[in-house]
Each structure stands twice: as C-alpha cells, then as structure tokens.
Amino acid sequence: MRRVSQIVLPVALTAAVFGIWDLVVNVFTIQSYVLPRPYAVFAQIGTDWDVLQPAMWQTIEEFVVGFFVGVVCGFVLAVVMGESRVIRRGLYPLLIATQAIPIIAIGAALVIWLGFGLTPKVVIVALIIFFPVVVNVLDGLANVDRDTISLARAMGAGPSSCRPRSRRSSPHSSSPPRSASPAQSSASGRRRRTAGSASTSSNRTRA
C-alpha cells in the first residue's frame, strides 16, 4: 500500500497542478500568448517535435558532460583540501567568494573566450555543480566517524585506506553539528566493543 501511495500521490498532485492551471486560464480568461492552456502546450510540443528533439538531445549531452566534469573536479579538489590544511585554509574563502558572482554574469565572457560550441555550456554546468560537490565531500571527510576508522585499523586497513588526516574539520564548515540519538550512541558503543575485540584478537595472534 505504501509503495502504491508513493506512485499515486505524485501523479495526483501533478494532475491537480495542471487542473488548477487550466481552471485559472478559464476563470480569468487569460490570453493564450500570456498563459496557454496545458493541452495547448503539449499539442504544440507534439507539432514541433521534429525541431525540439535535436535540441533536447544536445541539452542532455551538455548537462551530462558538465555534470560529470563538475563532480570529478569537485571531488578531487575536496579530497586534496581534506588532506592539506594549508590548501583548505587558502582555497575555501576563495570558493565562498566565487558564489557571490552569478553564473549569468560570466556567461557572455565564456562565449567570447570559448566560442559558441559545446565547451561554454559544459563549463557553466560544471561551475554550478562544482561548489556543492566540494562543500559536501569536504564536510563528509571532516565528519568521518572515529569508531569506523578505529575498526578499519583493527581489521588491518592501512593509512591510505583510513585517511585519518581528513578528520580535521573545515575552518569554514557550514554544516550544523549532528547530535547523537540513543540508537546512534548504542551503535557507537557496539562498534567500540567490536574494534576492541578485533584489536585484542589481532594482538593475541601476533603474540
């Protein structure tokens, strides 16, 4: 029943939105060039589909490529910043400052520099994706559970796998602190006991 409601509810809300849209157009006699009725919009899309289809695939290509570039670059930079306090303290304020510049303000400059092809669109998408990826990955690295790291070390993981230096929190982290619930505290206690048991077993084996 729950799975059915997860499907039915969004469909019902979408239908309600289109119904209210059509009702508003009829009640207030809004001209079609101001706000057309929903069926008129879909009918026009079907009429112009031969023209819209190539543009749709080009837009999808620009989005996918730009998204991939933004995620990869943001993830790599976040890992580098998580490993080096100097780089993090130097770059993080610059990243925050870049968010004061609207993307539309540099759109024309990107077209002048990179031309009218695929490249400027990919760069714009990548810039939009880049900052949230950097912030969230850096915040995730800064909030790795110590018990998880201890358990990994007890199980024989090396320094390159544990990445203990990424535990240092960002000086400008905007994420709120998380409070532990009783269930989380209980799970944390179990992980500590497991890590201690594994460490004891490892020491006995070596002895």
N, C-alpha and C. Protein backbone atom coordinates (compact mmCIF):
# COMPACT_ATOMS: atom_id res chain seq x y z
N MET A 1 0.83 -1.21 0.00
CA MET A 1 0.00 0.00 0.00
C MET A 1 0.86 1.26 0.00
N ARG A 2 1.93 1.20 0.78
CA ARG A 2 2.82 2.36 0.84
C ARG A 2 3.48 2.62 -0.51
N ARG A 3 3.88 1.54 -1.20
CA ARG A 3 4.51 1.70 -2.50
C ARG A 3 3.53 2.29 -3.51
N VAL A 4 2.27 1.87 -3.42
CA VAL A 4 1.25 2.41 -4.32
C VAL A 4 1.04 3.89 -4.06
N SER A 5 1.02 4.28 -2.77
CA SER A 5 0.83 5.70 -2.44
C SER A 5 2.00 6.55 -2.92
N GLN A 6 3.21 5.98 -2.92
CA GLN A 6 4.37 6.73 -3.41
C GLN A 6 4.26 7.02 -4.90
N ILE A 7 3.51 6.20 -5.63
CA ILE A 7 3.32 6.43 -7.06
C ILE A 7 2.09 7.29 -7.32
N VAL A 8 1.01 6.97 -6.60
CA VAL A 8 -0.26 7.65 -6.85
C VAL A 8 -0.22 9.11 -6.42
N LEU A 9 0.39 9.38 -5.27
CA LEU A 9 0.40 10.75 -4.74
C LEU A 9 1.09 11.74 -5.67
N PRO A 10 2.31 11.47 -6.17
CA PRO A 10 2.91 12.43 -7.11
C PRO A 10 2.09 12.61 -8.38
N VAL A 11 1.52 11.51 -8.91
CA VAL A 11 0.70 11.61 -10.11
C VAL A 11 -0.53 12.46 -9.84
N ALA A 12 -1.17 12.26 -8.69
CA ALA A 12 -2.36 13.03 -8.35
C ALA A 12 -2.03 14.51 -8.17
N LEU A 13 -0.91 14.82 -7.52
CA LEU A 13 -0.52 16.21 -7.33
C LEU A 13 -0.19 16.89 -8.66
N THR A 14 0.48 16.14 -9.56
CA THR A 14 0.78 16.69 -10.88
C THR A 14 -0.49 16.98 -11.65
N ALA A 15 -1.43 16.04 -11.62
CA ALA A 15 -2.72 16.26 -12.29
C ALA A 15 -3.46 17.45 -11.68
N ALA A 16 -3.36 17.61 -10.35
CA ALA A 16 -4.01 18.75 -9.70
C ALA A 16 -3.41 20.07 -10.14
N VAL A 17 -2.09 20.09 -10.30
CA VAL A 17 -1.43 21.32 -10.76
C VAL A 17 -1.91 21.71 -12.16
N PHE A 18 -1.96 20.72 -13.07
CA PHE A 18 -2.44 21.01 -14.42
C PHE A 18 -3.91 21.41 -14.41
N GLY A 19 -4.71 20.79 -13.52
CA GLY A 19 -6.12 21.17 -13.42
C GLY A 19 -6.30 22.59 -12.94
N ILE A 20 -5.53 22.98 -11.91
CA ILE A 20 -5.60 24.37 -11.42
C ILE A 20 -5.12 25.34 -12.48
N TRP A 21 -4.09 24.98 -13.21
CA TRP A 21 -3.58 25.81 -14.30
C TRP A 21 -4.69 26.06 -15.33
N ASP A 22 -5.35 25.00 -15.78
CA ASP A 22 -6.41 25.14 -16.77
C ASP A 22 -7.58 25.94 -16.21
N LEU A 23 -7.91 25.72 -14.94
CA LEU A 23 -9.01 26.45 -14.33
C LEU A 23 -8.72 27.95 -14.24
N VAL A 24 -7.48 28.30 -13.87
CA VAL A 24 -7.11 29.71 -13.77
C VAL A 24 -7.21 30.39 -15.13
N VAL A 25 -6.75 29.71 -16.18
CA VAL A 25 -6.83 30.29 -17.53
C VAL A 25 -8.28 30.52 -17.94
N ASN A 26 -9.16 29.57 -17.62
CA ASN A 26 -10.58 29.70 -17.99
C ASN A 26 -11.29 30.76 -17.17
N VAL A 27 -11.06 30.78 -15.87
CA VAL A 27 -11.78 31.71 -14.99
C VAL A 27 -11.39 33.15 -15.27
N PHE A 28 -10.11 33.38 -15.45
CA PHE A 28 -9.64 34.76 -15.63
C PHE A 28 -9.48 35.13 -17.10
N THR A 29 -9.93 34.24 -18.00
CA THR A 29 -9.87 34.48 -19.45
C THR A 29 -8.51 35.04 -19.88
N ILE A 30 -7.46 34.34 -19.50
CA ILE A 30 -6.10 34.76 -19.85
C ILE A 30 -5.83 34.41 -21.30
N GLN A 31 -5.27 35.35 -22.04
CA GLN A 31 -4.96 35.12 -23.44
C GLN A 31 -3.89 34.04 -23.60
N SER A 32 -3.98 33.32 -24.71
CA SER A 32 -3.07 32.19 -24.92
C SER A 32 -1.61 32.62 -25.06
N TYR A 33 -1.37 33.85 -25.56
CA TYR A 33 0.00 34.30 -25.69
C TYR A 33 0.61 34.70 -24.34
N VAL A 34 -0.24 34.88 -23.31
CA VAL A 34 0.24 35.17 -21.96
C VAL A 34 0.45 33.88 -21.18
N LEU A 35 -0.59 33.03 -21.16
CA LEU A 35 -0.50 31.74 -20.48
C LEU A 35 -1.42 30.75 -21.20
N PRO A 36 -0.89 29.91 -22.06
CA PRO A 36 -1.73 28.95 -22.78
C PRO A 36 -2.22 27.85 -21.85
N ARG A 37 -3.25 27.15 -22.30
CA ARG A 37 -3.78 26.04 -21.53
C ARG A 37 -2.82 24.85 -21.63
N PRO A 38 -2.87 23.94 -20.66
CA PRO A 38 -1.92 22.81 -20.67
C PRO A 38 -1.97 21.98 -21.93
N TYR A 39 -3.18 21.66 -22.40
CA TYR A 39 -3.28 20.80 -23.59
C TYR A 39 -2.70 21.50 -24.81
N ALA A 40 -2.80 22.84 -24.85
CA ALA A 40 -2.23 23.59 -25.97
C ALA A 40 -0.71 23.51 -25.96
N VAL A 41 -0.13 23.52 -24.77
CA VAL A 41 1.33 23.41 -24.65
C VAL A 41 1.80 22.06 -25.17
N PHE A 42 1.14 20.98 -24.72
CA PHE A 42 1.55 19.64 -25.14
C PHE A 42 1.28 19.41 -26.62
N ALA A 43 0.19 20.00 -27.13
CA ALA A 43 -0.10 19.88 -28.56
C ALA A 43 0.96 20.57 -29.39
N GLN A 44 1.44 21.73 -28.94
CA GLN A 44 2.48 22.44 -29.67
C GLN A 44 3.81 21.70 -29.61
N ILE A 45 4.08 21.05 -28.47
CA ILE A 45 5.30 20.24 -28.37
C ILE A 45 5.26 19.10 -29.38
N GLY A 46 4.08 18.45 -29.49
CA GLY A 46 3.96 17.38 -30.48
C GLY A 46 4.11 17.88 -31.90
N THR A 47 3.60 19.08 -32.18
CA THR A 47 3.71 19.64 -33.53
C THR A 47 5.16 19.97 -33.88
N ASP A 48 5.90 20.52 -32.92
CA ASP A 48 7.28 20.97 -33.16
C ASP A 48 8.32 19.93 -32.72
N TRP A 49 7.89 18.68 -32.54
CA TRP A 49 8.80 17.67 -32.01
C TRP A 49 10.02 17.45 -32.90
N ASP A 50 9.85 17.54 -34.22
CA ASP A 50 10.99 17.35 -35.12
C ASP A 50 12.06 18.41 -34.92
N VAL A 51 11.64 19.59 -34.49
CA VAL A 51 12.60 20.67 -34.24
C VAL A 51 13.16 20.57 -32.82
N LEU A 52 12.31 20.17 -31.88
CA LEU A 52 12.72 20.15 -30.48
C LEU A 52 13.61 18.95 -30.14
N GLN A 53 13.43 17.84 -30.84
CA GLN A 53 14.16 16.62 -30.47
C GLN A 53 15.69 16.79 -30.57
N PRO A 54 16.24 17.33 -31.67
CA PRO A 54 17.71 17.51 -31.70
C PRO A 54 18.21 18.43 -30.60
N ALA A 55 17.45 19.50 -30.32
CA ALA A 55 17.86 20.41 -29.26
C ALA A 55 17.80 19.74 -27.90
N MET A 56 16.81 18.85 -27.70
CA MET A 56 16.69 18.15 -26.43
C MET A 56 17.91 17.25 -26.19
N TRP A 57 18.31 16.48 -27.22
CA TRP A 57 19.46 15.59 -27.06
C TRP A 57 20.75 16.38 -26.86
N GLN A 58 20.86 17.54 -27.50
CA GLN A 58 22.04 18.37 -27.30
C GLN A 58 22.09 18.91 -25.88
N THR A 59 20.93 19.31 -25.34
CA THR A 59 20.87 19.80 -23.97
C THR A 59 21.23 18.70 -22.98
N ILE A 60 20.73 17.49 -23.22
CA ILE A 60 21.06 16.36 -22.35
C ILE A 60 22.56 16.08 -22.38
N GLU A 61 23.15 16.13 -23.57
CA GLU A 61 24.60 15.91 -23.68
C GLU A 61 25.38 16.95 -22.90
N GLU A 62 25.00 18.22 -23.04
CA GLU A 62 25.69 19.28 -22.32
C GLU A 62 25.56 19.09 -20.81
N PHE A 63 24.37 18.70 -20.36
CA PHE A 63 24.17 18.51 -18.92
C PHE A 63 24.98 17.34 -18.39
N VAL A 64 24.95 16.20 -19.09
CA VAL A 64 25.65 15.01 -18.61
C VAL A 64 27.16 15.26 -18.56
N VAL A 65 27.72 15.82 -19.62
CA VAL A 65 29.16 16.08 -19.65
C VAL A 65 29.55 17.10 -18.58
N GLY A 66 28.78 18.19 -18.48
CA GLY A 66 29.08 19.20 -17.47
C GLY A 66 28.94 18.67 -16.05
N PHE A 67 27.92 17.84 -15.83
CA PHE A 67 27.73 17.24 -14.50
C PHE A 67 28.91 16.35 -14.14
N PHE A 68 29.36 15.52 -15.09
CA PHE A 68 30.49 14.62 -14.84
C PHE A 68 31.75 15.42 -14.54
N VAL A 69 32.02 16.46 -15.33
CA VAL A 69 33.21 17.28 -15.12
C VAL A 69 33.16 17.97 -13.76
N GLY A 70 31.99 18.54 -13.41
CA GLY A 70 31.86 19.22 -12.12
C GLY A 70 32.03 18.29 -10.95
N VAL A 71 31.45 17.07 -11.03
CA VAL A 71 31.57 16.11 -9.93
C VAL A 71 33.01 15.64 -9.76
N VAL A 72 33.67 15.31 -10.86
CA VAL A 72 35.05 14.81 -10.77
C VAL A 72 35.98 15.89 -10.22
N CYS A 73 35.90 17.09 -10.78
CA CYS A 73 36.78 18.16 -10.32
C CYS A 73 36.49 18.53 -8.87
N GLY A 74 35.21 18.61 -8.50
CA GLY A 74 34.86 18.94 -7.13
C GLY A 74 35.31 17.88 -6.15
N PHE A 75 35.15 16.61 -6.51
CA PHE A 75 35.56 15.53 -5.62
C PHE A 75 37.08 15.52 -5.41
N VAL A 76 37.82 15.68 -6.50
CA VAL A 76 39.28 15.67 -6.40
C VAL A 76 39.77 16.83 -5.55
N LEU A 77 39.22 18.04 -5.78
CA LEU A 77 39.64 19.19 -5.00
C LEU A 77 39.28 19.03 -3.53
N ALA A 78 38.11 18.45 -3.24
CA ALA A 78 37.71 18.25 -1.85
C ALA A 78 38.64 17.29 -1.15
N VAL A 79 39.05 16.23 -1.83
CA VAL A 79 39.98 15.27 -1.22
C VAL A 79 41.33 15.94 -0.95
N VAL A 80 41.80 16.74 -1.90
CA VAL A 80 43.08 17.46 -1.72
C VAL A 80 42.97 18.43 -0.54
N MET A 81 41.87 19.16 -0.46
CA MET A 81 41.67 20.09 0.65
C MET A 81 41.53 19.35 1.97
N GLY A 82 40.93 18.18 1.95
CA GLY A 82 40.81 17.40 3.17
C GLY A 82 42.13 16.87 3.67
N GLU A 83 43.10 16.68 2.76
CA GLU A 83 44.40 16.15 3.13
C GLU A 83 45.38 17.24 3.54
N SER A 84 45.12 18.48 3.15
CA SER A 84 46.08 19.55 3.43
C SER A 84 45.36 20.73 4.07
N ARG A 85 45.74 21.02 5.30
CA ARG A 85 45.12 22.15 6.00
C ARG A 85 45.50 23.47 5.34
N VAL A 86 46.72 23.58 4.83
CA VAL A 86 47.16 24.82 4.18
C VAL A 86 46.33 25.10 2.94
N ILE A 87 46.16 24.07 2.10
CA ILE A 87 45.37 24.26 0.89
C ILE A 87 43.92 24.57 1.24
N ARG A 88 43.39 23.89 2.26
CA ARG A 88 42.00 24.13 2.64
C ARG A 88 41.78 25.56 3.13
N ARG A 89 42.67 26.03 3.99
CA ARG A 89 42.52 27.39 4.52
C ARG A 89 42.75 28.44 3.43
N GLY A 90 43.55 28.11 2.42
CA GLY A 90 43.79 29.07 1.35
C GLY A 90 42.70 29.12 0.31
N LEU A 91 42.11 27.96 -0.01
CA LEU A 91 41.14 27.91 -1.10
C LEU A 91 39.70 28.08 -0.66
N TYR A 92 39.37 27.68 0.56
CA TYR A 92 37.96 27.71 0.97
C TYR A 92 37.37 29.11 0.92
N PRO A 93 38.06 30.15 1.43
CA PRO A 93 37.49 31.51 1.30
C PRO A 93 37.30 31.93 -0.15
N LEU A 94 38.20 31.51 -1.04
CA LEU A 94 38.04 31.84 -2.45
C LEU A 94 36.82 31.15 -3.05
N LEU A 95 36.58 29.90 -2.65
CA LEU A 95 35.39 29.21 -3.13
C LEU A 95 34.12 29.90 -2.66
N ILE A 96 34.11 30.35 -1.41
CA ILE A 96 32.94 31.07 -0.90
C ILE A 96 32.75 32.37 -1.66
N ALA A 97 33.84 33.07 -1.96
CA ALA A 97 33.75 34.35 -2.66
C ALA A 97 33.22 34.18 -4.08
N THR A 98 33.54 33.06 -4.73
CA THR A 98 33.08 32.86 -6.10
C THR A 98 31.56 32.72 -6.18
N GLN A 99 30.92 32.35 -5.06
CA GLN A 99 29.47 32.19 -5.08
C GLN A 99 28.73 33.51 -5.11
N ALA A 100 29.46 34.62 -4.88
CA ALA A 100 28.85 35.95 -4.98
C ALA A 100 28.73 36.40 -6.43
N ILE A 101 29.37 35.68 -7.35
CA ILE A 101 29.32 36.04 -8.77
C ILE A 101 28.25 35.18 -9.45
N PRO A 102 27.18 35.77 -9.96
CA PRO A 102 26.16 34.95 -10.64
C PRO A 102 26.70 34.37 -11.93
N ILE A 103 26.28 33.14 -12.23
CA ILE A 103 26.77 32.46 -13.43
C ILE A 103 26.41 33.23 -14.69
N ILE A 104 25.23 33.83 -14.69
CA ILE A 104 24.79 34.56 -15.88
C ILE A 104 25.72 35.74 -16.18
N ALA A 105 26.41 36.25 -15.15
CA ALA A 105 27.30 37.39 -15.36
C ALA A 105 28.55 37.00 -16.14
N ILE A 106 28.97 35.74 -16.06
CA ILE A 106 30.17 35.32 -16.79
C ILE A 106 29.81 34.49 -18.03
N GLY A 107 28.51 34.31 -18.28
CA GLY A 107 28.10 33.53 -19.43
C GLY A 107 28.57 34.13 -20.74
N ALA A 108 28.39 35.45 -20.89
CA ALA A 108 28.82 36.12 -22.12
C ALA A 108 30.33 36.04 -22.30
N ALA A 109 31.06 36.19 -21.20
CA ALA A 109 32.53 36.11 -21.28
C ALA A 109 32.98 34.72 -21.69
N LEU A 110 32.31 33.69 -21.18
CA LEU A 110 32.66 32.33 -21.56
C LEU A 110 32.41 32.08 -23.05
N VAL A 111 31.35 32.65 -23.58
CA VAL A 111 31.08 32.50 -25.02
C VAL A 111 32.16 33.19 -25.84
N ILE A 112 32.60 34.37 -25.38
CA ILE A 112 33.66 35.09 -26.09
C ILE A 112 34.97 34.32 -26.05
N TRP A 113 35.28 33.74 -24.88
CA TRP A 113 36.54 33.03 -24.72
C TRP A 113 36.54 31.66 -25.39
N LEU A 114 35.41 30.95 -25.27
CA LEU A 114 35.38 29.54 -25.67
C LEU A 114 34.57 29.28 -26.93
N GLY A 115 33.91 30.29 -27.47
CA GLY A 115 33.14 30.11 -28.69
C GLY A 115 31.70 29.70 -28.42
N PHE A 116 30.99 29.34 -29.51
CA PHE A 116 29.57 29.02 -29.43
C PHE A 116 29.30 27.52 -29.40
N GLY A 117 30.32 26.71 -29.24
CA GLY A 117 30.14 25.27 -29.27
C GLY A 117 29.70 24.69 -27.95
N LEU A 118 30.09 23.44 -27.72
CA LEU A 118 29.69 22.71 -26.53
C LEU A 118 30.43 23.18 -25.27
N THR A 119 31.64 23.67 -25.44
CA THR A 119 32.52 23.93 -24.29
C THR A 119 31.95 24.95 -23.30
N PRO A 120 31.46 26.14 -23.71
CA PRO A 120 30.98 27.08 -22.70
C PRO A 120 29.78 26.57 -21.93
N LYS A 121 28.89 25.78 -22.58
CA LYS A 121 27.74 25.23 -21.85
C LYS A 121 28.20 24.22 -20.81
N VAL A 122 29.18 23.38 -21.19
CA VAL A 122 29.71 22.40 -20.25
C VAL A 122 30.35 23.09 -19.06
N VAL A 123 31.09 24.17 -19.31
CA VAL A 123 31.75 24.90 -18.23
C VAL A 123 30.72 25.50 -17.28
N ILE A 124 29.64 26.05 -17.82
CA ILE A 124 28.60 26.64 -16.97
C ILE A 124 27.96 25.58 -16.08
N VAL A 125 27.61 24.43 -16.66
CA VAL A 125 27.03 23.35 -15.85
C VAL A 125 28.02 22.87 -14.79
N ALA A 126 29.28 22.72 -15.18
CA ALA A 126 30.30 22.26 -14.23
C ALA A 126 30.48 23.26 -13.09
N LEU A 127 30.42 24.55 -13.38
CA LEU A 127 30.55 25.56 -12.33
C LEU A 127 29.38 25.49 -11.35
N ILE A 128 28.19 25.22 -11.86
CA ILE A 128 27.02 25.11 -10.98
C ILE A 128 27.15 23.90 -10.07
N ILE A 129 27.66 22.79 -10.60
CA ILE A 129 27.77 21.55 -9.84
C ILE A 129 28.97 21.56 -8.90
N PHE A 130 30.03 22.28 -9.28
CA PHE A 130 31.33 22.17 -8.62
C PHE A 130 31.27 22.52 -7.13
N PHE A 131 30.73 23.67 -6.78
CA PHE A 131 30.78 24.14 -5.39
C PHE A 131 30.02 23.22 -4.43
N PRO A 132 28.77 22.81 -4.72
CA PRO A 132 28.09 21.90 -3.78
C PRO A 132 28.84 20.58 -3.58
N VAL A 133 29.46 20.07 -4.64
CA VAL A 133 30.22 18.82 -4.50
C VAL A 133 31.41 19.02 -3.58
N VAL A 134 32.15 20.10 -3.77
CA VAL A 134 33.32 20.37 -2.93
C VAL A 134 32.91 20.49 -1.46
N VAL A 135 31.89 21.27 -1.19
CA VAL A 135 31.48 21.51 0.19
C VAL A 135 30.99 20.23 0.86
N ASN A 136 30.16 19.47 0.16
CA ASN A 136 29.59 18.27 0.77
C ASN A 136 30.62 17.16 0.95
N VAL A 137 31.50 16.97 -0.03
CA VAL A 137 32.54 15.96 0.12
C VAL A 137 33.51 16.35 1.23
N LEU A 138 33.89 17.62 1.28
CA LEU A 138 34.80 18.08 2.33
C LEU A 138 34.17 17.93 3.70
N ASP A 139 32.88 18.23 3.81
CA ASP A 139 32.18 18.08 5.07
C ASP A 139 32.08 16.60 5.46
N GLY A 140 31.85 15.74 4.47
CA GLY A 140 31.80 14.32 4.77
C GLY A 140 33.14 13.78 5.24
N LEU A 141 34.23 14.23 4.63
CA LEU A 141 35.56 13.81 5.06
C LEU A 141 35.88 14.31 6.46
N ALA A 142 35.38 15.50 6.79
CA ALA A 142 35.66 16.09 8.10
C ALA A 142 34.84 15.45 9.20
N ASN A 143 33.81 14.71 8.87
CA ASN A 143 32.92 14.13 9.88
C ASN A 143 32.90 12.61 9.82
N VAL A 144 34.01 12.02 9.40
CA VAL A 144 34.11 10.56 9.41
C VAL A 144 34.08 10.08 10.86
N ASP A 145 33.30 9.05 11.12
CA ASP A 145 33.17 8.51 12.48
C ASP A 145 34.50 7.92 12.95
N ARG A 146 34.98 8.36 14.12
CA ARG A 146 36.25 7.86 14.65
C ARG A 146 36.19 6.35 14.93
N ASP A 147 35.04 5.88 15.36
CA ASP A 147 34.91 4.45 15.64
C ASP A 147 35.05 3.62 14.37
N THR A 148 34.54 4.16 13.27
CA THR A 148 34.70 3.45 11.99
C THR A 148 36.16 3.38 11.59
N ILE A 149 36.89 4.47 11.79
CA ILE A 149 38.33 4.47 11.48
C ILE A 149 39.07 3.48 12.38
N SER A 150 38.71 3.48 13.68
CA SER A 150 39.36 2.55 14.61
C SER A 150 39.09 1.11 14.22
N LEU A 151 37.85 0.82 13.82
CA LEU A 151 37.51 -0.53 13.40
C LEU A 151 38.28 -0.93 12.15
N ALA A 152 38.40 0.00 11.20
CA ALA A 152 39.14 -0.30 9.98
C ALA A 152 40.60 -0.57 10.29
N ARG A 153 41.18 0.20 11.20
CA ARG A 153 42.58 -0.04 11.58
C ARG A 153 42.73 -1.39 12.27
N ALA A 154 41.77 -1.73 13.13
CA ALA A 154 41.84 -3.01 13.83
C ALA A 154 41.72 -4.18 12.87
N MET A 155 41.01 -3.97 11.77
CA MET A 155 40.85 -5.03 10.78
C MET A 155 42.01 -5.11 9.80
N GLY A 156 43.02 -4.22 9.99
CA GLY A 156 44.23 -4.30 9.18
C GLY A 156 44.32 -3.30 8.05
N ALA A 157 43.42 -2.30 8.01
CA ALA A 157 43.48 -1.30 6.94
C ALA A 157 44.67 -0.39 7.16
N GLY A 158 45.30 0.01 6.06
CA GLY A 158 46.47 0.86 6.13
C GLY A 158 46.11 2.33 6.21
N PRO A 159 47.10 3.20 6.37
CA PRO A 159 46.84 4.65 6.46
C PRO A 159 46.17 5.20 5.22
N SER A 160 46.53 4.69 4.04
CA SER A 160 45.92 5.20 2.81
C SER A 160 44.44 4.87 2.73
N SER A 161 44.00 3.82 3.40
CA SER A 161 42.59 3.47 3.41
C SER A 161 41.82 4.24 4.47
N CYS A 162 42.44 4.47 5.62
CA CYS A 162 41.74 5.15 6.71
C CYS A 162 41.67 6.66 6.51
N ARG A 163 42.71 7.23 5.90
CA ARG A 163 42.77 8.68 5.69
C ARG A 163 42.50 9.43 6.99
N PRO A 164 43.30 9.24 8.03
CA PRO A 164 42.99 9.90 9.29
C PRO A 164 43.10 11.41 9.23
N ARG A 165 43.89 11.95 8.29
CA ARG A 165 44.05 13.40 8.23
C ARG A 165 42.80 14.10 7.78
N SER A 166 41.89 13.40 7.09
CA SER A 166 40.64 14.01 6.65
C SER A 166 39.69 14.25 7.81
N ARG A 167 40.08 13.83 9.04
CA ARG A 167 39.25 14.07 10.20
C ARG A 167 39.27 15.53 10.60
N ARG A 168 40.27 16.28 10.20
CA ARG A 168 40.33 17.68 10.58
C ARG A 168 39.18 18.43 9.94
N SER A 169 38.44 19.12 10.75
CA SER A 169 37.24 19.80 10.24
C SER A 169 37.63 21.05 9.48
N SER A 170 36.73 21.46 8.58
CA SER A 170 36.97 22.65 7.77
C SER A 170 36.81 23.89 8.63
N PRO A 171 37.67 24.91 8.47
CA PRO A 171 37.55 26.11 9.29
C PRO A 171 36.31 26.90 8.97
N HIS A 172 35.69 26.66 7.82
CA HIS A 172 34.52 27.44 7.42
C HIS A 172 33.34 26.53 7.16
N SER A 173 33.30 25.37 7.77
CA SER A 173 32.23 24.42 7.50
C SER A 173 30.89 25.01 7.88
N SER A 174 29.94 24.90 6.95
CA SER A 174 28.61 25.47 7.16
C SER A 174 27.61 24.44 7.61
N SER A 175 28.01 23.19 7.74
CA SER A 175 27.07 22.15 8.13
C SER A 175 26.88 22.18 9.63
N PRO A 176 25.64 22.04 10.12
CA PRO A 176 25.40 22.09 11.56
C PRO A 176 25.92 20.84 12.24
N PRO A 177 26.29 20.94 13.50
CA PRO A 177 26.74 19.75 14.22
C PRO A 177 25.61 18.77 14.39
N ARG A 178 25.96 17.49 14.38
CA ARG A 178 24.95 16.45 14.50
C ARG A 178 24.92 15.92 15.92
N SER A 179 23.74 15.82 16.51
CA SER A 179 23.60 15.26 17.85
C SER A 179 23.30 13.79 17.75
N ALA A 180 23.90 13.01 18.63
CA ALA A 180 23.74 11.57 18.57
C ALA A 180 22.47 11.16 19.30
N SER A 181 21.68 10.33 18.66
CA SER A 181 20.48 9.79 19.27
C SER A 181 20.86 8.60 20.13
N PRO A 182 19.95 8.11 21.00
CA PRO A 182 20.28 6.93 21.80
C PRO A 182 20.66 5.72 20.94
N ALA A 183 19.98 5.55 19.80
CA ALA A 183 20.31 4.42 18.93
C ALA A 183 21.71 4.56 18.37
N GLN A 184 22.07 5.81 17.98
CA GLN A 184 23.41 6.03 17.47
C GLN A 184 24.46 5.80 18.55
N SER A 185 24.16 6.22 19.79
CA SER A 185 25.10 6.00 20.88
C SER A 185 25.29 4.52 21.15
N SER A 186 24.17 3.78 21.08
CA SER A 186 24.27 2.34 21.27
C SER A 186 25.10 1.69 20.18
N ALA A 187 24.86 2.12 18.92
CA ALA A 187 25.64 1.58 17.81
C ALA A 187 27.11 1.94 17.95
N SER A 188 27.35 3.17 18.44
CA SER A 188 28.75 3.58 18.63
C SER A 188 29.42 2.71 19.68
N GLY A 189 28.68 2.38 20.75
CA GLY A 189 29.25 1.51 21.78
C GLY A 189 29.55 0.12 21.24
N ARG A 190 28.65 -0.40 20.41
CA ARG A 190 28.89 -1.71 19.83
C ARG A 190 30.12 -1.70 18.93
N ARG A 191 30.28 -0.62 18.13
CA ARG A 191 31.45 -0.53 17.27
C ARG A 191 32.73 -0.47 18.10
N ARG A 192 32.70 0.26 19.23
CA ARG A 192 33.89 0.31 20.08
C ARG A 192 34.24 -1.07 20.62
N ARG A 193 33.21 -1.80 21.08
CA ARG A 193 33.48 -3.14 21.60
C ARG A 193 34.01 -4.06 20.51
N THR A 194 33.42 -3.93 19.30
CA THR A 194 33.89 -4.76 18.18
C THR A 194 35.33 -4.44 17.83
N ALA A 195 35.64 -3.11 17.78
CA ALA A 195 37.00 -2.70 17.46
C ALA A 195 37.97 -3.19 18.52
N GLY A 196 37.55 -3.11 19.81
CA GLY A 196 38.42 -3.58 20.88
C GLY A 196 38.65 -5.07 20.80
N SER A 197 37.60 -5.84 20.52
CA SER A 197 37.73 -7.29 20.41
C SER A 197 38.63 -7.67 19.26
N ALA A 198 38.43 -6.98 18.10
CA ALA A 198 39.26 -7.28 16.94
C ALA A 198 40.71 -6.95 17.21
N SER A 199 40.94 -5.82 17.91
CA SER A 199 42.32 -5.43 18.21
C SER A 199 42.97 -6.44 19.16
N THR A 200 42.19 -6.91 20.16
CA THR A 200 42.73 -7.88 21.12
C THR A 200 43.06 -9.19 20.42
N SER A 201 42.14 -9.63 19.54
CA SER A 201 42.37 -10.87 18.80
C SER A 201 43.59 -10.78 17.91
N SER A 202 43.76 -9.58 17.28
CA SER A 202 44.92 -9.37 16.41
C SER A 202 46.21 -9.43 17.20
N ASN A 203 46.20 -8.81 18.41
CA ASN A 203 47.41 -8.80 19.23
C ASN A 203 47.75 -10.21 19.71
N ARG A 204 46.72 -11.00 20.07
CA ARG A 204 46.97 -12.37 20.52
C ARG A 204 47.55 -13.22 19.40
N THR A 205 47.01 -13.00 18.17
CA THR A 205 47.50 -13.77 17.04
C THR A 205 48.96 -13.45 16.75
N ARG A 206 49.29 -12.15 16.83
CA ARG A 206 50.69 -11.78 16.58
C ARG A 206 51.61 -12.33 17.67
N ALA A 207 51.07 -12.32 18.92
CA ALA A 207 51.89 -12.85 20.02
C ALA A 207 52.13 -14.35 19.87
